Amino acid sequence: MTTRFDLDGITIDRIVEQEAPLFDPFQFFPTLSRETLNANRAWLGPRAIDPATGKLIFCIQSYLVRTPHHTILVDSCVGNHKPRPSRAFWDMMDSDRYQKNLAAAGVTVDDIDFVMCTHLHVDHVGWNTRLDNGRWVPTFPNAKYIFADRELAYWTERHKTDPAPVPWIQDSVLPIVEAGRVELVKSDHSLNESVRLIPSPGHTIDHYCVHVGQEGHDALIAGDAVHCTIQVRHPELGMMSDYDQALSGDTRRKLFSRFADTPTLICTGHFPSPSAGRIVRRGEAYDFNFT
């Protein structure tokens, strides 16, 4: 499944790997109260919460950005053949859905100029590499992989200190470094006048969003700055894997304030389909209007 958005000479395609009920809301949001969830359940509806299981419905996806100059993949999902014992729904995945959706968008792995990883969590780096005769090699052989420098330093040190909890660094990040395919940047880096990074720390130490296009014809690819629509109403609501929950809440409020009531399309990492929409003000908080 792909969905295309047109931004005056730039196109953005969703490349979906998985969409399913994955997480219990109280596990995912440790500070979420039952009262808050019940107060929001009606508008969250079956789009966000699976009626059968009560779990949050998440989409795992990349965004394919084509400008007149470059073909860019933002984030790279979970990937195949990778041991993820702590997440049964990602453990040793073996699916052709991601490859088929890339093909449906009209690209091959050879066409990608840049892979931009908003951060280095397991579900954003997986297709960085593929298994080739027992070795992890870059999936996108002609691409430079854009990592924020402090992000890579943090996860490299985490892996060096205790590799067992972070297996994706071994199979999906370090092989890219060893292959010489990394371009280290600051999280406010500009590729050109149409593709700029916006620092958005909190979920991880040096998370970035990707802002593409020009004013009035632009989009923000948000990565994990926001995970679920309930965080639009409640920006302070942190999730279980946040590096700094308070900082992640501050980041959300700053992003929402900047882009609320503007034409900017917000392309979220995990909202259920169609995953993209616009932020509008709602009193002291915000709403998300899906496209």
Foldseek 3Di string as FASTA:
>chain_A
DWDWDDFPQKIKIKQWDDKDQFAQVCQFQVPDDPVLCVVCDVVLDCLQAPPVPRGGIWIQTWMWMDHVVFTEIEFDFAAAQDADPVGVVRGRDDDCSRVVSCVVVPDALQRHAEYEYLADANGGFRQCWDADPNATAGRNVNYAYEDEPVRVVVVVVVCVVPVVVGVCCVRGPVNCVVVVRYDYDHQQDDPDPFWTWDFQAWQHHTGIWIWGDDFQRIEIADEVLDAEQSCQQVLLRATDRTPHSNSSSVSSVVVLVVFAPGNYKYQYRIRGPPRIFGWHDDVVGIGGDHD
